[in-house]
């Protein structure tokens, strides 16, 4: 068992059908390496490549293919006609808040009896809440449109129905066998839903309802697309596949974010200090954390207020609150991670364990999931971080790729009051006096079921490349593969037997500024937190390197560089 994720990583090179690669290269006339990557991603002919590189907004699927769409549209039309009060309800994360903002901005063009509601993470919990339904009843709402939640809220939606409140559920989470008694359920993952693309996020499902409403009410063609930048943010943050419809929507949403952004996106971009073009990675690492921080540290309603603001000044007012929440979140995340890592080392048996369960009653509930992910970066094994929540312990779990975390927690249910989640992430509640019993049971389950190789991080390599093939034209075509994300990740390359020029050096204590050569071609690179690998560069012994291609700008001059991921002595088997 490795002590940290830096000691050893498995490298795995993807393969592709050579005949398909050859045919595609003939059709496209571009570098064979790029054709290999495209074939690996299912793009194996000219038409698929055209659709991939030139996403066409008119190619999205008809919203009317989604089960219950007609029922949803007719119920909203009735509400508008009868001047009913409509409540737009959503989850407190990026997907939920962007979905609520998008739906609210659209509906307020055609209906003035409208409000939104975001449940408080700690007072109400995830999804449709009883407090939200009672707020609707007390204030005369007769229709609730739930976004990014509701598919599992059978009892609460039945309760709302008894109170005379109808529900339209727009969700993308996997349905249970028993569905809630809503007027309409929009979810492409329903078994009998014929909608052709199943990987929409919650905001994406809401967008399809907006498209259907605009079509049914004969509204201007541009109406449904006015908030695509919010949808692109949701797609990026919710880690859904960037394929098919999601790719089209993310592509055009990014364009909107760069050309004519929502005031909230514009304000957060400014506070993030970004002056260049927005990429999907900026939405993931700069915009999304600030939106999520609102719900983690305080109240996510202000994220919606920011997105629906009518002026830059109003949006900036709320954006600054989110920015401050994110600063608090980062401080809590950093200190709690340090505490947790120290706690692990103090356990004499930590090196022999295949799981991590840590508990401190004083840790902030809003960051335990982030801390679990941070711990995995150092101790690569299924991890659970618990803290005090009322009279109980509650926490978040994160897995390593390939291990079914939910099943492992399910096997420990005798010690839990409640739990939920999926393959890679989960949450749970238990009595504090059961923590130690749960920790040992979880370790027993993980130890007996996890494959040893899953405890070693794996780097998936798209293709092998030589330095002489790396040039601006190659890089420019790679950039056209954006937006990157699940099932279309930024390509990772391998180059074998390169040597140090003698100019590589450690910078800022933890990083390496590389200067490497192969066959009379020299290229520079940056390796963050790789200073412990510097020994491998000594004596100019050949090494194998894994990297992504990047562009560095210094004093107005741009140059290609390697963003290093890992290095190994050239005589080592790359698959260990």
Protein backbone atom coordinates (compact mmCIF):
# COMPACT_ATOMS: atom_id res chain seq x y z
CA UNK A 1 0.00 0.00 0.00
CA UNK A 2 1.64 3.29 -1.04
CA UNK A 3 2.03 5.97 1.62
CA UNK A 4 1.01 8.72 -0.77
CA UNK A 5 -0.29 9.04 -4.27
CA UNK A 6 3.10 10.38 -5.36
CA UNK A 7 5.09 7.21 -4.67
CA UNK A 8 3.69 5.09 -7.47
CA UNK A 9 1.16 5.41 -10.25
CA UNK A 10 -0.02 2.97 -12.88
CA UNK A 11 0.23 4.14 -16.47
CA UNK A 12 -2.23 2.72 -18.99
CA UNK A 13 -2.05 3.54 -22.70
CA UNK A 14 -5.34 3.45 -24.61
CA UNK A 15 -5.52 1.56 -27.88
CA UNK A 16 -7.48 2.29 -31.06
CA UNK A 17 -8.49 0.36 -34.18
CA UNK A 18 -5.62 1.14 -36.59
CA UNK A 19 -7.80 0.69 -39.68
CA UNK A 20 -10.35 3.21 -38.40
CA UNK A 21 -7.55 5.62 -37.53
CA UNK A 22 -6.10 5.32 -41.04
CA UNK A 23 -9.48 5.87 -42.72
CA UNK A 24 -10.25 8.88 -40.52
CA UNK A 25 -6.84 10.41 -41.24
CA UNK A 26 -7.49 10.09 -44.98
CA UNK A 27 -10.90 11.78 -44.56
CA UNK A 28 -9.71 14.63 -42.31
CA UNK A 29 -6.12 15.12 -43.42
CA UNK A 30 -4.87 15.83 -39.89
CA UNK A 31 -2.25 14.30 -37.58
CA UNK A 32 -2.63 10.54 -37.02
CA UNK A 33 -2.26 10.99 -33.25
CA UNK A 34 -5.32 13.25 -33.12
CA UNK A 35 -7.21 10.75 -35.30
CA UNK A 36 -6.27 7.98 -32.84
CA UNK A 37 -7.66 10.02 -29.94
CA UNK A 38 -10.87 10.77 -31.87
CA UNK A 39 -11.41 7.07 -32.71
CA UNK A 40 -10.88 6.20 -29.02
CA UNK A 41 -13.73 8.60 -28.27
CA UNK A 42 -16.11 7.10 -30.83
CA UNK A 43 -15.49 9.69 -33.55
CA UNK A 44 -14.54 7.45 -36.46
CA UNK A 45 -15.85 9.13 -39.63
CA UNK A 46 -16.03 12.52 -41.30
CA UNK A 47 -19.63 13.30 -40.26
CA UNK A 48 -19.03 12.47 -36.60
CA UNK A 49 -15.88 14.61 -36.68
CA UNK A 50 -17.78 17.51 -38.25
CA UNK A 51 -20.50 17.26 -35.58
CA UNK A 52 -17.79 17.11 -32.90
CA UNK A 53 -15.65 20.03 -34.06
CA UNK A 54 -18.55 22.22 -35.19
CA UNK A 55 -21.36 21.70 -32.64
CA UNK A 56 -24.66 22.87 -34.14
CA UNK A 57 -27.22 24.26 -31.68
CA UNK A 58 -30.04 23.20 -34.04
CA UNK A 59 -28.94 19.57 -33.62
CA UNK A 60 -30.25 19.30 -30.05
CA UNK A 61 -33.09 16.83 -29.50
CA UNK A 62 -36.75 17.83 -29.49
CA UNK A 63 -37.99 18.41 -25.93
CA UNK A 64 -41.26 16.73 -26.86
CA UNK A 65 -39.48 13.36 -26.89
CA UNK A 66 -39.25 13.48 -23.10
CA UNK A 67 -41.92 11.62 -21.17
CA UNK A 68 -44.56 13.87 -19.52
CA UNK A 69 -43.39 17.00 -21.35
CA UNK A 70 -46.86 17.71 -22.73
CA UNK A 71 -48.37 17.34 -19.22
CA UNK A 72 -45.76 19.72 -17.75
CA UNK A 73 -46.30 22.37 -20.42
CA UNK A 74 -50.09 22.21 -20.17
CA UNK A 75 -49.98 22.52 -16.35
CA UNK A 76 -47.74 25.61 -16.56
CA UNK A 77 -49.94 27.10 -19.28
CA UNK A 78 -52.96 26.58 -17.00
CA UNK A 79 -51.11 28.26 -14.10
CA UNK A 80 -50.31 31.27 -16.29
CA UNK A 81 -53.89 31.50 -17.54
CA UNK A 82 -55.36 31.29 -14.02
CA UNK A 83 -52.75 33.64 -12.50
CA UNK A 84 -51.66 30.93 -10.06
CA UNK A 85 -48.62 31.50 -7.85
CA UNK A 86 -45.71 29.36 -9.06
CA UNK A 87 -42.70 28.44 -6.91
CA UNK A 88 -39.44 27.46 -8.64
CA UNK A 89 -37.66 25.10 -6.23
CA UNK A 90 -34.09 23.78 -6.54
CA UNK A 91 -31.10 22.24 -4.85
CA UNK A 92 -28.39 24.36 -3.21
CA UNK A 93 -25.48 23.33 -5.47
CA UNK A 94 -24.37 24.77 -8.83
CA UNK A 95 -26.70 22.57 -10.88
CA UNK A 96 -29.70 23.45 -8.70
CA UNK A 97 -29.08 27.19 -8.41
CA UNK A 98 -28.36 27.68 -12.13
CA UNK A 99 -31.46 25.61 -12.97
CA UNK A 100 -33.64 27.72 -10.69
CA UNK A 101 -32.18 30.98 -12.03
CA UNK A 102 -32.64 29.89 -15.66
CA UNK A 103 -36.26 28.81 -15.12
CA UNK A 104 -37.07 31.91 -13.09
CA UNK A 105 -35.55 34.28 -15.68
CA UNK A 106 -37.55 32.57 -18.43
CA UNK A 107 -40.89 32.35 -16.62
CA UNK A 108 -40.84 35.93 -15.39
CA UNK A 109 -41.03 37.05 -19.04
CA UNK A 110 -44.48 35.47 -19.28
CA UNK A 111 -45.78 35.24 -15.68
CA UNK A 112 -45.56 37.64 -12.74
CA UNK A 113 -46.91 35.39 -9.95
CA UNK A 114 -43.50 33.83 -9.39
CA UNK A 115 -40.93 33.20 -6.66
CA UNK A 116 -38.01 30.84 -6.10
CA UNK A 117 -37.00 28.73 -3.11
CA UNK A 118 -33.67 27.11 -2.24
CA UNK A 119 -33.67 24.86 0.87
CA UNK A 120 -31.07 25.60 3.53
CA UNK A 121 -28.43 22.85 3.49
CA UNK A 122 -28.31 22.39 7.26
CA UNK A 123 -31.81 23.30 8.42
CA UNK A 124 -33.69 21.47 5.63
CA UNK A 125 -31.24 19.08 3.99
CA UNK A 126 -30.99 17.92 0.40
CA UNK A 127 -33.89 18.00 -2.06
CA UNK A 128 -37.57 18.82 -1.63
CA UNK A 129 -38.15 19.88 1.97
CA UNK A 130 -41.21 19.93 4.21
CA UNK A 131 -40.34 23.51 5.16
CA UNK A 132 -40.41 24.47 1.48
CA UNK A 133 -43.80 22.88 0.94
CA UNK A 134 -45.20 24.60 4.02
CA UNK A 135 -43.80 27.92 2.80
CA UNK A 136 -45.65 27.34 -0.47
CA UNK A 137 -48.92 26.54 1.36
CA UNK A 138 -48.69 29.55 3.69
CA UNK A 139 -48.05 31.89 0.76
CA UNK A 140 -50.72 30.59 -1.61
CA UNK A 141 -48.58 28.74 -4.17
CA UNK A 142 -50.44 26.02 -6.09
CA UNK A 143 -47.65 24.82 -8.37
CA UNK A 144 -44.04 23.94 -7.54
CA UNK A 145 -41.49 23.25 -10.29
CA UNK A 146 -38.61 21.32 -8.71
CA UNK A 147 -35.25 21.34 -10.46
CA UNK A 148 -32.31 18.96 -9.86
CA UNK A 149 -34.33 17.23 -7.14
CA UNK A 150 -37.70 15.62 -6.42
CA UNK A 151 -37.42 12.21 -8.09
CA UNK A 152 -37.00 10.50 -4.71
CA UNK A 153 -39.34 12.79 -2.72
CA UNK A 154 -42.39 10.52 -2.95
CA UNK A 155 -43.80 11.14 0.54
CA UNK A 156 -43.20 14.90 0.52
CA UNK A 157 -44.78 15.38 -2.91
CA UNK A 158 -47.76 13.30 -1.72
CA UNK A 159 -47.96 15.63 1.30
CA UNK A 160 -47.95 18.65 -1.03
CA UNK A 161 -50.70 17.07 -3.12
CA UNK A 162 -52.85 16.67 0.01
CA UNK A 163 -52.35 20.40 0.62
CA UNK A 164 -53.55 21.21 -2.90
CA UNK A 165 -50.10 21.91 -4.35
CA UNK A 166 -49.11 20.33 -7.67
CA UNK A 167 -45.54 19.37 -8.50
CA UNK A 168 -43.64 19.25 -11.79
CA UNK A 169 -40.39 17.37 -11.18
CA UNK A 170 -37.35 18.11 -13.39
CA UNK A 171 -34.57 15.77 -12.27
CA UNK A 172 -31.72 13.70 -13.65
CA UNK A 173 -30.97 11.41 -10.72
CA UNK A 174 -31.78 7.71 -11.02
CA UNK A 175 -35.46 7.08 -10.17
CA UNK A 176 -36.62 4.48 -7.64
CA UNK A 177 -39.27 1.89 -8.53
CA UNK A 178 -41.93 4.05 -6.86
CA UNK A 179 -42.25 7.51 -8.40
CA UNK A 180 -43.65 10.60 -6.64
CA UNK A 181 -47.30 11.56 -7.39
CA UNK A 182 -46.36 14.63 -9.43
CA UNK A 183 -48.44 16.10 -12.26
CA UNK A 184 -45.43 15.51 -14.53
CA UNK A 185 -42.00 13.96 -14.09
CA UNK A 186 -39.30 15.04 -16.53
CA UNK A 187 -36.31 12.72 -16.19
CA UNK A 188 -34.67 10.99 -19.17
CA UNK A 189 -33.49 8.19 -16.87
CA UNK A 190 -37.04 6.93 -16.38
CA UNK A 191 -37.29 3.41 -17.82
CA UNK A 192 -40.12 4.31 -20.19
CA UNK A 193 -38.77 7.70 -21.28
CA UNK A 194 -37.77 7.66 -24.95
CA UNK A 195 -35.63 10.80 -24.79
CA UNK A 196 -32.48 9.78 -26.72
CA UNK A 197 -29.85 11.38 -24.47
CA UNK A 198 -29.79 10.23 -20.86
CA UNK A 199 -26.91 12.29 -19.43
CA UNK A 200 -28.46 15.75 -19.00
CA UNK A 201 -27.80 17.56 -15.72
CA UNK A 202 -30.68 19.01 -13.68
CA UNK A 203 -30.33 22.41 -15.34
CA UNK A 204 -30.35 20.60 -18.70
CA UNK A 205 -33.70 18.96 -17.93
CA UNK A 206 -35.08 22.36 -16.92
CA UNK A 207 -33.76 23.77 -20.20
CA UNK A 208 -35.74 21.17 -22.17
CA UNK A 209 -38.91 22.29 -20.37
CA UNK A 210 -38.08 25.91 -21.25
CA UNK A 211 -37.63 24.88 -24.92
CA UNK A 212 -40.99 23.09 -24.96
CA UNK A 213 -42.78 26.04 -23.32
CA UNK A 214 -41.25 28.50 -25.79
CA UNK A 215 -42.33 26.29 -28.69
CA UNK A 216 -45.86 25.74 -27.36
CA UNK A 217 -46.41 29.43 -26.59
CA UNK A 218 -44.83 30.56 -29.92
CA UNK A 219 -42.26 32.72 -28.14
CA UNK A 220 -39.26 34.24 -29.98
CA UNK A 221 -36.68 31.65 -31.05
CA UNK A 222 -33.90 33.15 -28.93
CA UNK A 223 -35.79 32.98 -25.61
CA UNK A 224 -34.71 29.46 -24.56
CA UNK A 225 -31.03 30.17 -25.30
CA UNK A 226 -30.62 33.39 -23.32
CA UNK A 227 -29.06 31.65 -20.30
CA UNK A 228 -26.89 29.00 -21.93
CA UNK A 229 -23.89 30.28 -19.96
CA UNK A 230 -25.67 29.20 -16.76
CA UNK A 231 -26.37 25.81 -18.31
CA UNK A 232 -22.71 25.43 -19.37
CA UNK A 233 -21.70 26.18 -15.76
CA UNK A 234 -24.04 23.44 -14.51
CA UNK A 235 -22.75 20.93 -17.08
CA UNK A 236 -19.16 21.72 -16.07
CA UNK A 237 -19.79 21.60 -12.32
CA UNK A 238 -21.99 18.51 -12.22
CA UNK A 239 -19.34 16.31 -13.94
CA UNK A 240 -21.75 14.95 -16.56
CA UNK A 241 -20.34 13.57 -19.84
CA UNK A 242 -19.36 16.26 -22.37
CA UNK A 243 -20.88 14.26 -25.22
CA UNK A 244 -23.83 14.58 -27.61
CA UNK A 245 -26.25 17.25 -26.43
CA UNK A 246 -24.16 18.26 -23.41
CA UNK A 247 -21.24 19.05 -25.72
CA UNK A 248 -23.40 21.22 -27.98
CA UNK A 249 -24.90 23.10 -25.02
CA UNK A 250 -21.57 23.52 -23.22
CA UNK A 251 -19.90 24.75 -26.43
CA UNK A 252 -22.52 27.41 -27.11
CA UNK A 253 -22.87 28.22 -23.40
CA UNK A 254 -19.14 28.96 -23.20
CA UNK A 255 -19.48 31.19 -26.25
CA UNK A 256 -22.26 33.10 -24.49
CA UNK A 257 -20.15 33.33 -21.29
CA UNK A 258 -17.34 34.96 -23.26
CA UNK A 259 -19.39 37.23 -25.53
CA UNK A 260 -22.40 38.28 -23.46
CA UNK A 261 -22.31 36.73 -19.99
CA UNK A 262 -24.96 36.68 -17.33
CA UNK A 263 -24.21 39.47 -14.86
CA UNK A 264 -23.46 36.88 -12.18
CA UNK A 265 -20.96 35.00 -14.34
CA UNK A 266 -19.36 38.33 -15.26
CA UNK A 267 -19.03 39.39 -11.61
CA UNK A 268 -17.54 36.07 -10.47
CA UNK A 269 -15.12 36.09 -13.40
CA UNK A 270 -13.94 39.55 -12.35
CA UNK A 271 -13.55 38.54 -8.70
CA UNK A 272 -11.64 35.42 -9.79
CA UNK A 273 -9.08 37.65 -11.48
CA UNK A 274 -9.54 36.05 -14.88
CA UNK A 275 -8.70 38.35 -17.78
CA UNK A 276 -8.41 35.77 -20.56
CA UNK A 277 -11.08 33.80 -22.38
CA UNK A 278 -13.27 31.56 -20.21
CA UNK A 279 -12.74 27.83 -20.71
CA UNK A 280 -14.71 24.95 -19.21
CA UNK A 281 -11.92 24.54 -16.62
CA UNK A 282 -12.55 28.10 -15.41
CA UNK A 283 -16.21 27.26 -14.85
CA UNK A 284 -15.15 24.15 -12.88
CA UNK A 285 -12.36 25.66 -10.78
CA UNK A 286 -13.23 29.36 -10.51
CA UNK A 287 -16.97 29.91 -10.98
CA UNK A 288 -18.45 26.68 -9.56
CA UNK A 289 -16.59 26.70 -6.19
CA UNK A 290 -17.82 30.21 -5.45
CA UNK A 291 -21.41 29.25 -6.25
CA UNK A 292 -21.17 26.04 -4.22
CA UNK A 293 -19.59 27.91 -1.30
CA UNK A 294 -22.84 29.81 -0.73
CA UNK A 295 -24.67 26.61 0.19
CA UNK A 296 -21.69 25.06 2.01
CA UNK A 297 -21.04 27.99 4.30
CA UNK A 298 -24.38 29.82 4.46
CA UNK A 299 -27.48 30.22 2.27
CA UNK A 300 -27.46 29.36 -1.47
CA UNK A 301 -30.40 31.69 -2.23
CA UNK A 302 -27.92 34.51 -2.79
CA UNK A 303 -26.39 32.55 -5.69
CA UNK A 304 -29.77 32.65 -7.44
CA UNK A 305 -30.18 36.34 -6.56
CA UNK A 306 -26.81 36.96 -8.23
CA UNK A 307 -27.79 35.09 -11.40
CA UNK A 308 -31.18 36.85 -11.73
CA UNK A 309 -29.83 40.35 -10.94
CA UNK A 310 -30.89 43.10 -13.38
CA UNK A 311 -27.60 45.01 -13.25
CA UNK A 312 -23.86 44.46 -12.92
CA UNK A 313 -23.89 46.36 -9.62
CA UNK A 314 -26.59 44.16 -8.10
CA UNK A 315 -24.88 40.98 -9.30
CA UNK A 316 -21.53 42.13 -7.89
CA UNK A 317 -23.17 42.72 -4.49
CA UNK A 318 -24.12 39.04 -4.28
CA UNK A 319 -20.96 37.83 -6.03
CA UNK A 320 -18.83 39.43 -3.31
CA UNK A 321 -20.82 37.49 -0.70
CA UNK A 322 -20.15 34.25 -2.60
CA UNK A 323 -16.48 35.18 -2.97
CA UNK A 324 -16.20 35.72 0.79
CA UNK A 325 -18.00 32.45 1.47
CA UNK A 326 -15.47 30.74 -0.80
CA UNK A 327 -12.57 32.31 1.10
CA UNK A 328 -14.05 30.97 4.35
CA UNK A 329 -14.59 27.59 2.68
CA UNK A 330 -10.95 27.42 1.55
CA UNK A 331 -9.69 28.28 5.03
CA UNK A 332 -11.91 25.63 6.62
CA UNK A 333 -10.95 23.10 3.96
CA UNK A 334 -7.21 23.75 4.47
CA UNK A 335 -7.23 23.58 8.28
CA UNK A 336 -9.54 20.55 8.48
CA UNK A 337 -7.51 18.67 5.87
CA UNK A 338 -4.33 19.34 7.89
CA UNK A 339 -6.08 18.11 11.08
CA UNK A 340 -7.34 14.98 9.36
CA UNK A 341 -3.95 14.08 7.83
CA UNK A 342 -2.30 14.48 11.24
CA UNK A 343 -5.00 12.29 12.79
CA UNK A 344 -4.35 9.53 10.22
CA UNK A 345 -0.60 9.48 10.91
CA UNK A 346 -1.19 9.22 14.67
CA UNK A 347 -3.02 5.94 14.10
CA UNK A 348 -0.29 3.31 14.42
CA UNK A 349 -2.10 0.98 12.05
CA UNK A 350 -2.72 3.54 9.24
CA UNK A 351 -0.18 2.04 6.82
CA UNK A 352 -1.93 -1.31 6.90
CA UNK A 353 -5.45 -0.01 6.35
CA UNK A 354 -7.25 0.10 3.02
CA UNK A 355 -9.81 2.71 4.07
CA UNK A 356 -9.87 5.98 6.00
CA UNK A 357 -12.55 7.09 8.47
CA UNK A 358 -11.85 10.23 10.51
CA UNK A 359 -14.10 12.14 12.95
CA UNK A 360 -13.92 15.46 14.74
CA UNK A 361 -17.08 17.00 16.24
CA UNK A 362 -15.83 20.54 15.56
CA UNK A 363 -15.24 20.29 11.81
CA UNK A 364 -17.47 22.35 9.49
CA UNK A 365 -20.15 20.22 7.84
CA UNK A 366 -19.97 22.15 4.60
CA UNK A 367 -16.48 21.01 3.64
CA UNK A 368 -16.26 17.37 4.78
CA UNK A 369 -16.81 16.08 1.23
CA UNK A 370 -14.03 18.31 -0.10
CA UNK A 371 -11.74 17.18 2.73
CA UNK A 372 -12.43 13.52 1.89
CA UNK A 373 -11.27 14.20 -1.68
CA UNK A 374 -8.17 16.00 -0.39
CA UNK A 375 -7.25 13.06 1.84
CA UNK A 376 -7.49 10.69 -1.14
CA UNK A 377 -4.91 12.85 -2.93
CA UNK A 378 -2.44 11.83 -0.18
CA UNK A 379 -3.74 8.47 1.06
CA UNK A 380 -5.30 6.84 -1.94
CA UNK A 381 -8.14 4.75 -0.51
CA UNK A 382 -11.91 5.01 0.11
CA UNK A 383 -12.36 7.81 2.64
CA UNK A 384 -15.08 9.03 5.01
CA UNK A 385 -14.94 12.31 6.95
CA UNK A 386 -17.40 12.71 9.84
CA UNK A 387 -18.35 15.62 12.07
CA UNK A 388 -21.04 16.45 14.63
CA UNK A 389 -24.50 17.33 13.34
CA UNK A 390 -26.97 18.00 16.12
CA UNK A 391 -26.97 14.94 18.36
CA UNK A 392 -25.43 12.70 15.71
CA UNK A 393 -22.35 12.27 13.54
CA UNK A 394 -22.77 12.98 9.85
CA UNK A 395 -20.35 13.00 6.99
CA UNK A 396 -19.36 12.46 3.41
CA UNK A 397 -17.57 9.60 1.68
CA UNK A 398 -15.48 9.58 -1.48
CA UNK A 399 -14.18 6.58 -3.40
CA UNK A 400 -11.22 5.77 -5.59
CA UNK A 401 -12.09 5.04 -9.25
CA UNK A 402 -13.41 1.53 -9.79
CA UNK A 403 -14.59 0.84 -6.24
CA UNK A 404 -18.32 0.83 -5.42
CA UNK A 405 -18.46 2.98 -2.32
CA UNK A 406 -22.23 2.85 -1.95
CA UNK A 407 -22.25 -0.96 -1.73
CA UNK A 408 -19.50 -0.88 0.91
CA UNK A 409 -21.48 1.58 3.04
CA UNK A 410 -24.67 -0.44 2.49
CA UNK A 411 -22.83 -3.46 3.96
CA UNK A 412 -22.25 -1.41 7.15
CA UNK A 413 -25.87 -0.24 7.48
CA UNK A 414 -26.35 -1.92 10.88
CA UNK A 415 -24.39 0.99 12.39
CA UNK A 416 -26.07 3.77 10.41
CA UNK A 417 -29.21 5.81 11.00
CA UNK A 418 -29.36 6.84 7.35
CA UNK A 419 -27.25 6.90 4.20
CA UNK A 420 -27.45 7.64 0.48
CA UNK A 421 -25.30 8.22 -2.54
CA UNK A 422 -23.85 6.40 -5.52
CA UNK A 423 -20.81 4.52 -6.80
CA UNK A 424 -18.24 7.28 -6.15
CA UNK A 425 -19.69 9.45 -3.36
CA UNK A 426 -22.09 9.08 -0.46
CA UNK A 427 -23.30 10.59 2.79
CA UNK A 428 -24.36 9.06 6.07
CA UNK A 429 -25.64 9.75 9.60
CA UNK A 430 -24.91 7.65 12.70
CA UNK A 431 -24.82 7.82 16.48
CA UNK A 432 -21.48 9.04 17.82
CA UNK A 433 -20.98 5.92 19.96
CA UNK A 434 -21.18 3.78 16.80
CA UNK A 435 -18.33 5.53 14.97
CA UNK A 436 -15.58 3.12 16.01
CA UNK A 437 -17.74 0.07 15.22
CA UNK A 438 -18.58 1.58 11.83
CA UNK A 439 -14.92 2.40 11.13
CA UNK A 440 -13.82 -1.20 11.76
CA UNK A 441 -16.71 -2.70 9.80
CA UNK A 442 -16.02 -0.37 6.85
CA UNK A 443 -12.34 -1.35 6.89
CA UNK A 444 -13.30 -5.04 6.98
CA UNK A 445 -15.65 -4.61 3.99
CA UNK A 446 -13.19 -2.55 1.93
CA UNK A 447 -10.23 -4.85 2.71
CA UNK A 448 -12.14 -7.93 1.63
CA UNK A 449 -13.61 -6.49 -1.58
CA UNK A 450 -11.23 -3.94 -3.10
CA UNK A 451 -8.80 -5.09 -5.78
CA UNK A 452 -5.17 -4.24 -4.85
CA UNK A 453 -4.57 -2.32 -8.08
CA UNK A 454 -7.40 0.09 -7.21
CA UNK A 455 -5.28 1.34 -4.31
CA UNK A 456 -2.69 2.67 -6.76
CA UNK A 457 -3.67 5.75 -8.82
CA UNK A 458 -4.01 5.11 -12.54
CA UNK A 459 -3.02 7.58 -15.24
CA UNK A 460 -4.80 6.94 -18.52
CA UNK A 461 -2.66 7.94 -21.51
CA UNK A 462 -4.31 8.74 -24.83
CA UNK A 463 -1.28 8.46 -27.09
CA UNK A 464 2.47 8.29 -27.41
CA UNK A 465 4.10 11.29 -29.11
CA UNK A 466 7.58 12.53 -30.02
CA UNK A 467 8.79 16.08 -29.34
CA UNK A 468 9.13 16.79 -33.07
CA UNK A 469 5.35 16.21 -33.50
CA UNK A 470 4.49 18.88 -30.93
CA UNK A 471 3.89 22.17 -32.73
CA UNK A 472 1.42 25.05 -32.85
CA UNK A 473 -0.80 23.47 -35.54
CA UNK A 474 -1.09 20.26 -33.49
CA UNK A 475 -1.93 22.27 -30.36
CA UNK A 476 -4.51 24.43 -32.16
CA UNK A 477 -6.39 21.33 -33.35
CA UNK A 478 -6.30 19.93 -29.80
CA UNK A 479 -7.88 23.16 -28.56
CA UNK A 480 -10.74 22.67 -31.02
CA UNK A 481 -11.61 19.50 -29.07
CA UNK A 482 -12.82 21.72 -26.24
CA UNK A 483 -14.92 21.87 -24.15
CA UNK A 484 -13.20 19.09 -22.22
CA UNK A 485 -14.83 17.01 -19.51
CA UNK A 486 -15.91 13.45 -18.70
CA UNK A 487 -15.70 11.18 -21.80
CA UNK A 488 -13.83 13.98 -23.61
CA UNK A 489 -10.95 14.76 -21.27
CA UNK A 490 -7.99 16.91 -22.27
CA UNK A 491 -5.61 14.44 -23.98
CA UNK A 492 -2.72 12.96 -22.00
CA UNK A 493 0.52 12.07 -23.81
CA UNK A 494 3.54 9.86 -23.23
CA UNK A 495 7.05 10.52 -24.54
CA UNK A 496 9.75 7.92 -23.86
CA UNK A 497 13.45 8.28 -23.15
CA UNK A 498 13.82 12.03 -22.84
CA UNK A 499 16.72 13.61 -20.94
CA UNK A 500 17.29 16.72 -18.89
CA UNK A 501 19.16 19.50 -20.70
CA UNK A 502 20.82 20.48 -17.44
CA UNK A 503 18.57 23.51 -17.02
CA UNK A 504 15.69 21.91 -15.11
CA UNK A 505 15.31 23.32 -11.60
CA UNK A 506 13.10 23.36 -8.52
CA UNK A 507 11.00 26.53 -8.26
CA UNK A 508 8.98 27.77 -5.29
CA UNK A 509 10.11 24.74 -3.22
CA UNK A 510 7.52 22.27 -4.50
CA UNK A 511 7.51 22.62 -8.30
CA UNK A 512 9.89 21.67 -11.11
CA UNK A 513 10.59 23.83 -14.13
CA UNK A 514 11.58 21.21 -16.69
CA UNK A 515 13.88 21.62 -19.68
CA UNK A 516 13.94 18.36 -21.63
CA UNK A 517 15.29 17.13 -24.95
CA UNK A 518 14.72 14.24 -27.33
CA UNK A 519 16.30 13.84 -30.79
CA UNK A 520 17.58 17.42 -30.99
CA UNK A 521 14.16 18.82 -29.98
CA UNK A 522 13.96 20.71 -26.69
CA UNK A 523 10.80 21.71 -24.82
CA UNK A 524 10.08 23.17 -21.40
CA UNK A 525 7.44 22.12 -18.90
CA UNK A 526 6.07 22.74 -15.44
CA UNK A 527 5.46 20.03 -12.85
CA UNK A 528 3.44 21.23 -9.88
CA UNK A 529 4.23 19.59 -6.52
CA UNK A 530 6.75 17.29 -8.20
CA UNK A 531 9.94 18.41 -6.42
CA UNK A 532 10.27 14.92 -4.88
CA UNK A 533 10.85 13.58 -8.42
CA UNK A 534 13.83 15.86 -9.11
CA UNK A 535 16.32 13.10 -8.28
CA UNK A 536 15.24 11.27 -11.46
CA UNK A 537 16.65 14.12 -13.58
CA UNK A 538 20.15 13.89 -12.16
CA UNK A 539 22.98 12.54 -14.31
CA UNK A 540 20.78 13.11 -17.38
CA UNK A 541 19.51 9.54 -17.29
CA UNK A 542 16.60 8.90 -19.72
CA UNK A 543 13.10 9.17 -18.33
CA UNK A 544 9.58 8.50 -19.60
CA UNK A 545 7.20 11.41 -19.11
CA UNK A 546 3.40 11.79 -19.05
CA UNK A 547 1.95 15.24 -19.67
CA UNK A 548 -0.75 17.46 -21.13
CA UNK A 549 0.03 20.18 -23.65
CA UNK A 550 -0.32 23.74 -22.48
CA UNK A 551 0.42 27.26 -23.67
CA UNK A 552 2.61 29.55 -21.60
CA UNK A 553 2.49 33.33 -21.97
CA UNK A 554 5.35 35.45 -20.68
CA UNK A 555 5.88 39.13 -21.46
CA UNK A 556 3.41 38.93 -24.33
CA UNK A 557 5.11 35.93 -25.95
CA UNK A 558 3.29 32.61 -26.18
CA UNK A 559 5.03 29.23 -26.31
CA UNK A 560 3.98 25.62 -25.96
CA UNK A 561 4.93 23.84 -22.76
CA UNK A 562 4.32 20.50 -21.08
CA UNK A 563 2.10 20.37 -18.01
CA UNK A 564 3.75 17.37 -16.38
CA UNK A 565 1.70 14.66 -14.72
CA UNK A 566 4.27 11.98 -13.87
CA UNK A 567 7.79 10.78 -14.70
CA UNK A 568 9.57 7.42 -14.36
CA UNK A 569 13.03 6.05 -15.19
CA UNK A 570 12.98 4.96 -18.83
CA UNK A 571 13.95 1.39 -17.97
CA UNK A 572 10.85 0.89 -15.81
CA UNK A 573 7.74 -0.95 -17.00
CA UNK A 574 5.23 1.84 -17.65
CA UNK A 575 2.33 -0.35 -16.52
CA UNK A 576 3.44 -0.51 -12.88
